[in-house]
Amino acid sequence: MRTRNLLENLPAPGPDEAFETLFEGRGARVERIVSHRHASPPGFWYDQAGDEWVMLVQGSAELEFDDGRHESLMPGDWLVIPAGCRHRVAATGPDTIWLAVHTTDA
């Protein structure tokens, strides 16, 4: 068994968001994402094969969807992004931490 703290050992700010897989198995992957005022590149859209449950743990963020919808997130907010739903990170605040659960092929 392994115990860690989601808010410790955070990577230093850099040019890209930091993705860390915390757990993977039995049809799911859990990852911590650390953002420091990052946004998806212009014209880039995530288009994932599996569903994603994502929660904003710390900071602030805005997601944009290809249907024109925007979702502003504050700590504790979560949403489910269905497979094939094109989305992008429009903006994040400093020291933003996400927790994401991705479904995968079992």
PDB file of N, CA and C in Angstrom:
ATOM      1  N   MET A   1       0.853  -1.179   0.000  1.00  0.00           N
ATOM      2  CA  MET A   1       0.000   0.000   0.000  1.00  0.00           C
ATOM      3  C   MET A   1       0.899   1.241   0.000  1.00  0.00           C
ATOM      4  N   ARG A   2       0.437   2.274  -0.694  1.00  0.00           N
ATOM      5  CA  ARG A   2       1.230   3.494  -0.819  1.00  0.00           C
ATOM      6  C   ARG A   2       0.360   4.691  -0.466  1.00  0.00           C
ATOM      7  N   THR A   3       0.848   5.564   0.391  1.00  0.00           N
ATOM      8  CA  THR A   3       0.112   6.767   0.791  1.00  0.00           C
ATOM      9  C   THR A   3       0.904   7.990   0.374  1.00  0.00           C
ATOM     10  N   ARG A   4       0.212   8.924  -0.290  1.00  0.00           N
ATOM     11  CA  ARG A   4       0.833  10.189  -0.693  1.00  0.00           C
ATOM     12  C   ARG A   4      -0.185  11.299  -0.523  1.00  0.00           C
ATOM     13  N   ASN A   5       0.249  12.538  -0.672  1.00  0.00           N
ATOM     14  CA  ASN A   5      -0.631  13.691  -0.577  1.00  0.00           C
ATOM     15  C   ASN A   5      -0.693  14.371  -1.940  1.00  0.00           C
ATOM     16  N   LEU A   6      -1.898  14.578  -2.452  1.00  0.00           N
ATOM     17  CA  LEU A   6      -2.112  15.164  -3.771  1.00  0.00           C
ATOM     18  C   LEU A   6      -1.509  16.562  -3.900  1.00  0.00           C
ATOM     19  N   LEU A   7      -1.403  17.281  -2.776  1.00  0.00           N
ATOM     20  CA  LEU A   7      -0.965  18.671  -2.801  1.00  0.00           C
ATOM     21  C   LEU A   7       0.519  18.844  -2.505  1.00  0.00           C
ATOM     22  N   GLU A   8       1.247  17.751  -2.321  1.00  0.00           N
ATOM     23  CA  GLU A   8       2.675  17.830  -2.030  1.00  0.00           C
ATOM     24  C   GLU A   8       3.501  17.464  -3.260  1.00  0.00           C
ATOM     25  N   ASN A   9       4.784  17.855  -3.213  1.00  0.00           N
ATOM     26  CA  ASN A   9       5.744  17.552  -4.279  1.00  0.00           C
ATOM     27  C   ASN A   9       5.242  18.008  -5.647  1.00  0.00           C
ATOM     28  N   LEU A  10       4.728  19.235  -5.676  1.00  0.00           N
ATOM     29  CA  LEU A  10       4.222  19.790  -6.931  1.00  0.00           C
ATOM     30  C   LEU A  10       5.384  20.213  -7.822  1.00  0.00           C
ATOM     31  N   PRO A  11       5.260  19.994  -9.123  1.00  0.00           N
ATOM     32  CA  PRO A  11       6.324  20.430 -10.030  1.00  0.00           C
ATOM     33  C   PRO A  11       6.376  21.954 -10.106  1.00  0.00           C
ATOM     34  N   ALA A  12       7.556  22.459 -10.377  1.00  0.00           N
ATOM     35  CA  ALA A  12       7.726  23.905 -10.534  1.00  0.00           C
ATOM     36  C   ALA A  12       7.032  24.358 -11.813  1.00  0.00           C
ATOM     37  N   PRO A  13       6.600  25.613 -11.861  1.00  0.00           N
ATOM     38  CA  PRO A  13       5.997  26.123 -13.092  1.00  0.00           C
ATOM     39  C   PRO A  13       6.945  25.953 -14.273  1.00  0.00           C
ATOM     40  N   GLY A  14       6.373  25.569 -15.396  1.00  0.00           N
ATOM     41  CA  GLY A  14       7.156  25.383 -16.608  1.00  0.00           C
ATOM     42  C   GLY A  14       6.327  25.757 -17.816  1.00  0.00           C
ATOM     43  N   PRO A  15       6.832  25.496 -18.997  1.00  0.00           N
ATOM     44  CA  PRO A  15       6.104  25.892 -20.205  1.00  0.00           C
ATOM     45  C   PRO A  15       4.859  25.050 -20.476  1.00  0.00           C
ATOM     46  N   ASP A  16       4.774  23.847 -19.884  1.00  0.00           N
ATOM     47  CA  ASP A  16       3.640  22.949 -20.125  1.00  0.00           C
ATOM     48  C   ASP A  16       3.003  22.519 -18.815  1.00  0.00           C
ATOM     49  N   GLU A  17       1.737  22.112 -18.901  1.00  0.00           N
ATOM     50  CA  GLU A  17       1.090  21.507 -17.745  1.00  0.00           C
ATOM     51  C   GLU A  17       1.839  20.229 -17.391  1.00  0.00           C
ATOM     52  N   ALA A  18       1.790  19.850 -16.101  1.00  0.00           N
ATOM     53  CA  ALA A  18       2.445  18.624 -15.643  1.00  0.00           C
ATOM     54  C   ALA A  18       1.389  17.563 -15.376  1.00  0.00           C
ATOM     55  N   PHE A  19       1.512  16.418 -16.045  1.00  0.00           N
ATOM     56  CA  PHE A  19       0.591  15.297 -15.896  1.00  0.00           C
ATOM     57  C   PHE A  19       1.307  14.178 -15.148  1.00  0.00           C
ATOM     58  N   GLU A  20       0.654  13.649 -14.107  1.00  0.00           N
ATOM     59  CA  GLU A  20       1.228  12.536 -13.353  1.00  0.00           C
ATOM     60  C   GLU A  20       0.159  11.468 -13.152  1.00  0.00           C
ATOM     61  N   THR A  21       0.417  10.272 -13.646  1.00  0.00           N
ATOM     62  CA  THR A  21      -0.502   9.164 -13.419  1.00  0.00           C
ATOM     63  C   THR A  21      -0.329   8.676 -11.990  1.00  0.00           C
ATOM     64  N   LEU A  22      -1.424   8.684 -11.223  1.00  0.00           N
ATOM     65  CA  LEU A  22      -1.395   8.250  -9.832  1.00  0.00           C
ATOM     66  C   LEU A  22      -1.795   6.791  -9.684  1.00  0.00           C
ATOM     67  N   PHE A  23      -2.644   6.335 -10.601  1.00  0.00           N
ATOM     68  CA  PHE A  23      -3.133   4.952 -10.571  1.00  0.00           C
ATOM     69  C   PHE A  23      -3.635   4.590 -11.953  1.00  0.00           C
ATOM     70  N   GLU A  24      -3.386   3.347 -12.342  1.00  0.00           N
ATOM     71  CA  GLU A  24      -3.928   2.862 -13.606  1.00  0.00           C
ATOM     72  C   GLU A  24      -4.231   1.383 -13.464  1.00  0.00           C
ATOM     73  N   GLY A  25      -5.430   1.002 -13.860  1.00  0.00           N
ATOM     74  CA  GLY A  25      -5.805  -0.401 -13.825  1.00  0.00           C
ATOM     75  C   GLY A  25      -7.300  -0.586 -13.929  1.00  0.00           C
ATOM     76  N   ARG A  26      -7.694  -1.794 -14.360  1.00  0.00           N
ATOM     77  CA  ARG A  26      -9.099  -2.192 -14.430  1.00  0.00           C
ATOM     78  C   ARG A  26     -10.005  -1.152 -15.077  1.00  0.00           C
ATOM     79  N   GLY A  27      -9.583  -0.655 -16.231  1.00  0.00           N
ATOM     80  CA  GLY A  27     -10.452   0.212 -17.009  1.00  0.00           C
ATOM     81  C   GLY A  27     -10.441   1.674 -16.639  1.00  0.00           C
ATOM     82  N   ALA A  28      -9.491   2.110 -15.793  1.00  0.00           N
ATOM     83  CA  ALA A  28      -9.454   3.522 -15.410  1.00  0.00           C
ATOM     84  C   ALA A  28      -8.016   3.977 -15.174  1.00  0.00           C
ATOM     85  N   ARG A  29      -7.797   5.276 -15.402  1.00  0.00           N
ATOM     86  CA  ARG A  29      -6.519   5.915 -15.097  1.00  0.00           C
ATOM     87  C   ARG A  29      -6.820   7.178 -14.309  1.00  0.00           C
ATOM     88  N   VAL A  30      -6.126   7.373 -13.189  1.00  0.00           N
ATOM     89  CA  VAL A  30      -6.282   8.562 -12.354  1.00  0.00           C
ATOM     90  C   VAL A  30      -5.014   9.387 -12.495  1.00  0.00           C
ATOM     91  N   GLU A  31      -5.192  10.680 -12.765  1.00  0.00           N
ATOM     92  CA  GLU A  31      -4.009  11.520 -12.892  1.00  0.00           C
ATOM     93  C   GLU A  31      -4.182  12.854 -12.190  1.00  0.00           C
ATOM     94  N   ARG A  32      -3.026  13.380 -11.766  1.00  0.00           N
ATOM     95  CA  ARG A  32      -2.972  14.735 -11.229  1.00  0.00           C
ATOM     96  C   ARG A  32      -2.411  15.611 -12.341  1.00  0.00           C
ATOM     97  N   ILE A  33      -3.053  16.757 -12.546  1.00  0.00           N
ATOM     98  CA  ILE A  33      -2.599  17.717 -13.542  1.00  0.00           C
ATOM     99  C   ILE A  33      -2.319  19.024 -12.804  1.00  0.00           C
ATOM    100  N   VAL A  34      -1.141  19.577 -13.013  1.00  0.00           N
ATOM    101  CA  VAL A  34      -0.770  20.841 -12.385  1.00  0.00           C
ATOM    102  C   VAL A  34      -0.592  21.877 -13.487  1.00  0.00           C
ATOM    103  N   SER A  35      -1.316  22.985 -13.362  1.00  0.00           N
ATOM    104  CA  SER A  35      -1.297  24.056 -14.363  1.00  0.00           C
ATOM    105  C   SER A  35      -0.875  25.362 -13.699  1.00  0.00           C
ATOM    106  N   HIS A  36      -0.125  26.157 -14.415  1.00  0.00           N
ATOM    107  CA  HIS A  36       0.295  27.485 -13.944  1.00  0.00           C
ATOM    108  C   HIS A  36       0.005  28.480 -15.063  1.00  0.00           C
ATOM    109  N   ARG A  37      -1.232  28.951 -15.096  1.00  0.00           N
ATOM    110  CA  ARG A  37      -1.672  29.899 -16.131  1.00  0.00           C
ATOM    111  C   ARG A  37      -1.547  29.296 -17.534  1.00  0.00           C
ATOM    112  N   HIS A  38      -1.762  28.007 -17.653  1.00  0.00           N
ATOM    113  CA  HIS A  38      -1.691  27.334 -18.948  1.00  0.00           C
ATOM    114  C   HIS A  38      -3.044  27.353 -19.649  1.00  0.00           C
ATOM    115  N   ALA A  39      -2.991  27.186 -20.939  1.00  0.00           N
ATOM    116  CA  ALA A  39      -4.175  27.024 -21.775  1.00  0.00           C
ATOM    117  C   ALA A  39      -3.781  26.126 -22.939  1.00  0.00           C
ATOM    118  N   SER A  40      -4.763  25.468 -23.527  1.00  0.00           N
ATOM    119  CA  SER A  40      -4.495  24.660 -24.717  1.00  0.00           C
ATOM    120  C   SER A  40      -4.050  25.576 -25.850  1.00  0.00           C
ATOM    121  N   PRO A  41      -3.168  25.089 -26.713  1.00  0.00           N
ATOM    122  CA  PRO A  41      -2.746  25.911 -27.854  1.00  0.00           C
ATOM    123  C   PRO A  41      -3.942  26.283 -28.735  1.00  0.00           C
ATOM    124  N   PRO A  42      -3.873  27.422 -29.409  1.00  0.00           N
ATOM    125  CA  PRO A  42      -4.967  27.809 -30.312  1.00  0.00           C
ATOM    126  C   PRO A  42      -5.253  26.696 -31.325  1.00  0.00           C
ATOM    127  N   GLY A  43      -6.528  26.391 -31.484  1.00  0.00           N
ATOM    128  CA  GLY A  43      -6.946  25.379 -32.444  1.00  0.00           C
ATOM    129  C   GLY A  43      -6.821  23.945 -31.960  1.00  0.00           C
ATOM    130  N   PHE A  44      -6.245  23.724 -30.775  1.00  0.00           N
ATOM    131  CA  PHE A  44      -6.094  22.367 -30.246  1.00  0.00           C
ATOM    132  C   PHE A  44      -7.345  21.962 -29.475  1.00  0.00           C
ATOM    133  N   TRP A  45      -7.823  20.729 -29.705  1.00  0.00           N
ATOM    134  CA  TRP A  45      -8.978  20.189 -28.984  1.00  0.00           C
ATOM    135  C   TRP A  45      -8.641  18.789 -28.484  1.00  0.00           C
ATOM    136  N   TYR A  46      -8.954  18.523 -27.199  1.00  0.00           N
ATOM    137  CA  TYR A  46      -8.908  17.145 -26.710  1.00  0.00           C
ATOM    138  C   TYR A  46     -10.122  16.436 -27.291  1.00  0.00           C
ATOM    139  N   ASP A  47      -9.938  15.216 -27.767  1.00  0.00           N
ATOM    140  CA  ASP A  47     -11.022  14.398 -28.302  1.00  0.00           C
ATOM    141  C   ASP A  47     -10.716  12.973 -27.868  1.00  0.00           C
ATOM    142  N   GLN A  48     -11.154  12.629 -26.676  1.00  0.00           N
ATOM    143  CA  GLN A  48     -10.732  11.400 -26.009  1.00  0.00           C
ATOM    144  C   GLN A  48     -11.656  10.235 -26.310  1.00  0.00           C
ATOM    145  N   ALA A  49     -11.074   9.045 -26.356  1.00  0.00           N
ATOM    146  CA  ALA A  49     -11.823   7.821 -26.644  1.00  0.00           C
ATOM    147  C   ALA A  49     -12.669   7.369 -25.455  1.00  0.00           C
ATOM    148  N   GLY A  50     -12.282   7.751 -24.244  1.00  0.00           N
ATOM    149  CA  GLY A  50     -13.024   7.345 -23.050  1.00  0.00           C
ATOM    150  C   GLY A  50     -13.622   8.545 -22.342  1.00  0.00           C
ATOM    151  N   ASP A  51     -14.521   8.262 -21.392  1.00  0.00           N
ATOM    152  CA  ASP A  51     -15.107   9.321 -20.562  1.00  0.00           C
ATOM    153  C   ASP A  51     -14.051   9.854 -19.601  1.00  0.00           C
ATOM    154  N   GLU A  52     -14.230  11.096 -19.160  1.00  0.00           N
ATOM    155  CA  GLU A  52     -13.331  11.704 -18.175  1.00  0.00           C
ATOM    156  C   GLU A  52     -14.160  12.378 -17.091  1.00  0.00           C
ATOM    157  N   TRP A  53     -13.848  12.060 -15.840  1.00  0.00           N
ATOM    158  CA  TRP A  53     -14.373  12.790 -14.679  1.00  0.00           C
ATOM    159  C   TRP A  53     -13.235  13.661 -14.211  1.00  0.00           C
ATOM    160  N   VAL A  54     -13.471  14.959 -14.102  1.00  0.00           N
ATOM    161  CA  VAL A  54     -12.401  15.867 -13.696  1.00  0.00           C
ATOM    162  C   VAL A  54     -12.907  16.803 -12.605  1.00  0.00           C
ATOM    163  N   MET A  55     -12.047  17.018 -11.591  1.00  0.00           N
ATOM    164  CA  MET A  55     -12.376  17.920 -10.484  1.00  0.00           C
ATOM    165  C   MET A  55     -11.250  18.928 -10.324  1.00  0.00           C
ATOM    166  N   LEU A  56     -11.622  20.178 -10.101  1.00  0.00           N
ATOM    167  CA  LEU A  56     -10.632  21.193  -9.801  1.00  0.00           C
ATOM    168  C   LEU A  56     -10.393  21.171  -8.294  1.00  0.00           C
ATOM    169  N   VAL A  57      -9.180  20.854  -7.901  1.00  0.00           N
ATOM    170  CA  VAL A  57      -8.827  20.743  -6.484  1.00  0.00           C
ATOM    171  C   VAL A  57      -8.425  22.099  -5.926  1.00  0.00           C
ATOM    172  N   GLN A  58      -7.650  22.847  -6.712  1.00  0.00           N
ATOM    173  CA  GLN A  58      -7.090  24.119  -6.252  1.00  0.00           C
ATOM    174  C   GLN A  58      -6.932  25.039  -7.453  1.00  0.00           C
ATOM    175  N   GLY A  59      -7.105  26.327  -7.240  1.00  0.00           N
ATOM    176  CA  GLY A  59      -6.914  27.297  -8.317  1.00  0.00           C
ATOM    177  C   GLY A  59      -8.217  27.634  -9.024  1.00  0.00           C
ATOM    178  N   SER A  60      -8.097  27.956 -10.306  1.00  0.00           N
ATOM    179  CA  SER A  60      -9.275  28.277 -11.119  1.00  0.00           C
ATOM    180  C   SER A  60      -8.994  27.841 -12.549  1.00  0.00           C
ATOM    181  N   ALA A  61     -10.067  27.593 -13.288  1.00  0.00           N
ATOM    182  CA  ALA A  61      -9.903  27.147 -14.671  1.00  0.00           C
ATOM    183  C   ALA A  61     -11.173  27.414 -15.457  1.00  0.00           C
ATOM    184  N   GLU A  62     -10.991  27.514 -16.764  1.00  0.00           N
ATOM    185  CA  GLU A  62     -12.131  27.616 -17.670  1.00  0.00           C
ATOM    186  C   GLU A  62     -11.921  26.619 -18.803  1.00  0.00           C
ATOM    187  N   LEU A  63     -12.930  25.799 -19.018  1.00  0.00           N
ATOM    188  CA  LEU A  63     -12.923  24.854 -20.127  1.00  0.00           C
ATOM    189  C   LEU A  63     -13.823  25.384 -21.225  1.00  0.00           C
ATOM    190  N   GLU A  64     -13.464  25.095 -22.456  1.00  0.00           N
ATOM    191  CA  GLU A  64     -14.249  25.492 -23.614  1.00  0.00           C
ATOM    192  C   GLU A  64     -14.593  24.229 -24.403  1.00  0.00           C
ATOM    193  N   PHE A  65     -15.801  24.163 -24.914  1.00  0.00           N
ATOM    194  CA  PHE A  65     -16.258  23.016 -25.695  1.00  0.00           C
ATOM    195  C   PHE A  65     -16.525  23.464 -27.127  1.00  0.00           C
ATOM    196  N   ASP A  66     -16.398  22.526 -28.073  1.00  0.00           N
ATOM    197  CA  ASP A  66     -16.505  22.920 -29.483  1.00  0.00           C
ATOM    198  C   ASP A  66     -17.909  23.343 -29.893  1.00  0.00           C
ATOM    199  N   ASP A  67     -18.890  23.184 -28.987  1.00  0.00           N
ATOM    200  CA  ASP A  67     -20.231  23.700 -29.279  1.00  0.00           C
ATOM    201  C   ASP A  67     -20.389  25.152 -28.814  1.00  0.00           C
ATOM    202  N   GLY A  68     -19.280  25.766 -28.342  1.00  0.00           N
ATOM    203  CA  GLY A  68     -19.301  27.157 -27.892  1.00  0.00           C
ATOM    204  C   GLY A  68     -19.521  27.337 -26.408  1.00  0.00           C
ATOM    205  N   ARG A  69     -19.829  26.266 -25.711  1.00  0.00           N
ATOM    206  CA  ARG A  69     -20.074  26.335 -24.272  1.00  0.00           C
ATOM    207  C   ARG A  69     -18.766  26.548 -23.507  1.00  0.00           C
ATOM    208  N   HIS A  70     -18.837  27.292 -22.405  1.00  0.00           N
ATOM    209  CA  HIS A  70     -17.698  27.521 -21.509  1.00  0.00           C
ATOM    210  C   HIS A  70     -18.117  27.109 -20.100  1.00  0.00           C
ATOM    211  N   GLU A  71     -17.205  26.494 -19.366  1.00  0.00           N
ATOM    212  CA  GLU A  71     -17.437  26.119 -17.967  1.00  0.00           C
ATOM    213  C   GLU A  71     -16.322  26.717 -17.126  1.00  0.00           C
ATOM    214  N   SER A  72     -16.666  27.601 -16.203  1.00  0.00           N
ATOM    215  CA  SER A  72     -15.701  28.140 -15.252  1.00  0.00           C
ATOM    216  C   SER A  72     -15.713  27.260 -14.020  1.00  0.00           C
ATOM    217  N   LEU A  73     -14.542  26.851 -13.575  1.00  0.00           N
ATOM    218  CA  LEU A  73     -14.429  25.938 -12.433  1.00  0.00           C
ATOM    219  C   LEU A  73     -13.679  26.598 -11.288  1.00  0.00           C
ATOM    220  N   MET A  74     -14.174  26.347 -10.088  1.00  0.00           N
ATOM    221  CA  MET A  74     -13.535  26.780  -8.855  1.00  0.00           C
ATOM    222  C   MET A  74     -13.256  25.522  -8.031  1.00  0.00           C
ATOM    223  N   PRO A  75     -12.419  25.606  -6.990  1.00  0.00           N
ATOM    224  CA  PRO A  75     -12.095  24.409  -6.205  1.00  0.00           C
ATOM    225  C   PRO A  75     -13.350  23.669  -5.740  1.00  0.00           C
ATOM    226  N   GLY A  76     -13.309  22.358  -5.953  1.00  0.00           N
ATOM    227  CA  GLY A  76     -14.429  21.491  -5.591  1.00  0.00           C
ATOM    228  C   GLY A  76     -15.379  21.211  -6.741  1.00  0.00           C
ATOM    229  N   ASP A  77     -15.353  22.033  -7.791  1.00  0.00           N
ATOM    230  CA  ASP A  77     -16.217  21.792  -8.948  1.00  0.00           C
ATOM    231  C   ASP A  77     -15.713  20.587  -9.728  1.00  0.00           C
ATOM    232  N   TRP A  78     -16.637  19.782 -10.218  1.00  0.00           N
ATOM    233  CA  TRP A  78     -16.276  18.633 -11.053  1.00  0.00           C
ATOM    234  C   TRP A  78     -17.291  18.482 -12.162  1.00  0.00           C
ATOM    235  N   LEU A  79     -16.887  17.782 -13.211  1.00  0.00           N
ATOM    236  CA  LEU A  79     -17.801  17.496 -14.307  1.00  0.00           C
ATOM    237  C   LEU A  79     -17.360  16.223 -15.007  1.00  0.00           C
ATOM    238  N   VAL A  80     -18.288  15.663 -15.767  1.00  0.00           N
ATOM    239  CA  VAL A  80     -18.010  14.488 -16.583  1.00  0.00           C
ATOM    240  C   VAL A  80     -17.967  14.945 -18.037  1.00  0.00           C
ATOM    241  N   ILE A  81     -16.884  14.604 -18.706  1.00  0.00           N
ATOM    242  CA  ILE A  81     -16.736  14.917 -20.126  1.00  0.00           C
ATOM    243  C   ILE A  81     -16.879  13.599 -20.874  1.00  0.00           C
ATOM    244  N   PRO A  82     -17.967  13.423 -21.607  1.00  0.00           N
ATOM    245  CA  PRO A  82     -18.184  12.150 -22.305  1.00  0.00           C
ATOM    246  C   PRO A  82     -17.145  11.909 -23.399  1.00  0.00           C
ATOM    247  N   ALA A  83     -16.916  10.650 -23.693  1.00  0.00           N
ATOM    248  CA  ALA A  83     -16.019  10.273 -24.783  1.00  0.00           C
ATOM    249  C   ALA A  83     -16.442  11.002 -26.053  1.00  0.00           C
ATOM    250  N   GLY A  84     -15.467  11.502 -26.797  1.00  0.00           N
ATOM    251  CA  GLY A  84     -15.744  12.168 -28.062  1.00  0.00           C
ATOM    252  C   GLY A  84     -16.190  13.617 -27.949  1.00  0.00           C
ATOM    253  N   CYS A  85     -16.326  14.137 -26.731  1.00  0.00           N
ATOM    254  CA  CYS A  85     -16.717  15.534 -26.534  1.00  0.00           C
ATOM    255  C   CYS A  85     -15.465  16.403 -26.645  1.00  0.00           C
ATOM    256  N   ARG A  86     -15.364  17.127 -27.753  1.00  0.00           N
ATOM    257  CA  ARG A  86     -14.167  17.947 -27.971  1.00  0.00           C
ATOM    258  C   ARG A  86     -14.158  19.125 -27.007  1.00  0.00           C
ATOM    259  N   HIS A  87     -13.018  19.279 -26.329  1.00  0.00           N
ATOM    260  CA  HIS A  87     -12.884  20.338 -25.331  1.00  0.00           C
ATOM    261  C   HIS A  87     -11.431  20.796 -25.270  1.00  0.00           C
ATOM    262  N   ARG A  88     -11.240  21.949 -24.643  1.00  0.00           N
ATOM    263  CA  ARG A  88      -9.896  22.503 -24.478  1.00  0.00           C
ATOM    264  C   ARG A  88      -9.855  23.291 -23.183  1.00  0.00           C
ATOM    265  N   VAL A  89      -8.655  23.516 -22.678  1.00  0.00           N
ATOM    266  CA  VAL A  89      -8.460  24.371 -21.508  1.00  0.00           C
ATOM    267  C   VAL A  89      -8.306  25.790 -22.033  1.00  0.00           C
ATOM    268  N   ALA A  90      -9.283  26.644 -21.715  1.00  0.00           N
ATOM    269  CA  ALA A  90      -9.243  28.031 -22.182  1.00  0.00           C
ATOM    270  C   ALA A  90      -8.302  28.868 -21.319  1.00  0.00           C
ATOM    271  N   ALA A  91      -8.271  28.583 -20.003  1.00  0.00           N
ATOM    272  CA  ALA A  91      -7.414  29.354 -19.093  1.00  0.00           C
ATOM    273  C   ALA A  91      -7.326  28.635 -17.755  1.00  0.00           C
ATOM    274  N   THR A  92      -6.205  28.858 -17.056  1.00  0.00           N
ATOM    275  CA  THR A  92      -6.067  28.400 -15.672  1.00  0.00           C
ATOM    276  C   THR A  92      -5.389  29.503 -14.876  1.00  0.00           C
ATOM    277  N   GLY A  93      -5.612  29.475 -13.576  1.00  0.00           N
ATOM    278  CA  GLY A  93      -4.923  30.399 -12.689  1.00  0.00           C
ATOM    279  C   GLY A  93      -3.580  29.824 -12.268  1.00  0.00           C
ATOM    280  N   PRO A  94      -2.856  30.548 -11.438  1.00  0.00           N
ATOM    281  CA  PRO A  94      -1.583  30.022 -10.933  1.00  0.00           C
ATOM    282  C   PRO A  94      -1.852  28.876  -9.961  1.00  0.00           C
ATOM    283  N   ASP A  95      -0.920  27.947  -9.896  1.00  0.00           N
ATOM    284  CA  ASP A  95      -0.991  26.848  -8.929  1.00  0.00           C
ATOM    285  C   ASP A  95      -2.330  26.108  -8.973  1.00  0.00           C
ATOM    286  N   THR A  96      -2.794  25.795 -10.172  1.00  0.00           N
ATOM    287  CA  THR A  96      -4.049  25.076 -10.355  1.00  0.00           C
ATOM    288  C   THR A  96      -3.768  23.576 -10.359  1.00  0.00           C
ATOM    289  N   ILE A  97      -4.577  22.833  -9.591  1.00  0.00           N
ATOM    290  CA  ILE A  97      -4.420  21.384  -9.499  1.00  0.00           C
ATOM    291  C   ILE A  97      -5.745  20.726  -9.848  1.00  0.00           C
ATOM    292  N   TRP A  98      -5.673  19.760 -10.763  1.00  0.00           N
ATOM    293  CA  TRP A  98      -6.827  18.985 -11.200  1.00  0.00           C
ATOM    294  C   TRP A  98      -6.648  17.537 -10.759  1.00  0.00           C
ATOM    295  N   LEU A  99      -7.751  16.846 -10.566  1.00  0.00           N
ATOM    296  CA  LEU A  99      -7.753  15.401 -10.395  1.00  0.00           C
ATOM    297  C   LEU A  99      -8.669  14.857 -11.487  1.00  0.00           C
ATOM    298  N   ALA A 100      -8.129  13.967 -12.328  1.00  0.00           N
ATOM    299  CA  ALA A 100      -8.892  13.450 -13.458  1.00  0.00           C
ATOM    300  C   ALA A 100      -8.919  11.932 -13.418  1.00  0.00           C
ATOM    301  N   VAL A 101     -10.082  11.382 -13.735  1.00  0.00           N
ATOM    302  CA  VAL A 101     -10.247   9.940 -13.868  1.00  0.00           C
ATOM    303  C   VAL A 101     -10.705   9.681 -15.296  1.00  0.00           C
ATOM    304  N   HIS A 102      -9.898   8.924 -16.034  1.00  0.00           N
ATOM    305  CA  HIS A 102     -10.190   8.580 -17.425  1.00  0.00           C
ATOM    306  C   HIS A 102     -10.586   7.118 -17.505  1.00  0.00           C
ATOM    307  N   THR A 103     -11.672   6.829 -18.213  1.00  0.00           N
ATOM    308  CA  THR A 103     -11.984   5.425 -18.464  1.00  0.00           C
ATOM    309  C   THR A 103     -11.118   4.965 -19.630  1.00  0.00           C
ATOM    310  N   THR A 104     -10.716   3.716 -19.560  1.00  0.00           N
ATOM    311  CA  THR A 104      -9.863   3.138 -20.593  1.00  0.00           C
ATOM    312  C   THR A 104     -10.441   1.792 -20.985  1.00  0.00           C
ATOM    313  N   ASP A 105      -9.942   1.232 -22.072  1.00  0.00           N
ATOM    314  CA  ASP A 105     -10.348  -0.111 -22.442  1.00  0.00           C
ATOM    315  C   ASP A 105      -9.843  -1.078 -21.388  1.00  0.00           C
ATOM    316  N   ALA A 106     -10.729  -1.919 -20.913  1.00  0.00           N
ATOM    317  CA  ALA A 106     -10.339  -2.879 -19.864  1.00  0.00           C
ATOM    318  C   ALA A 106      -9.514  -4.001 -20.440  1.00  0.00           C
TER     319      ALA A 106
END
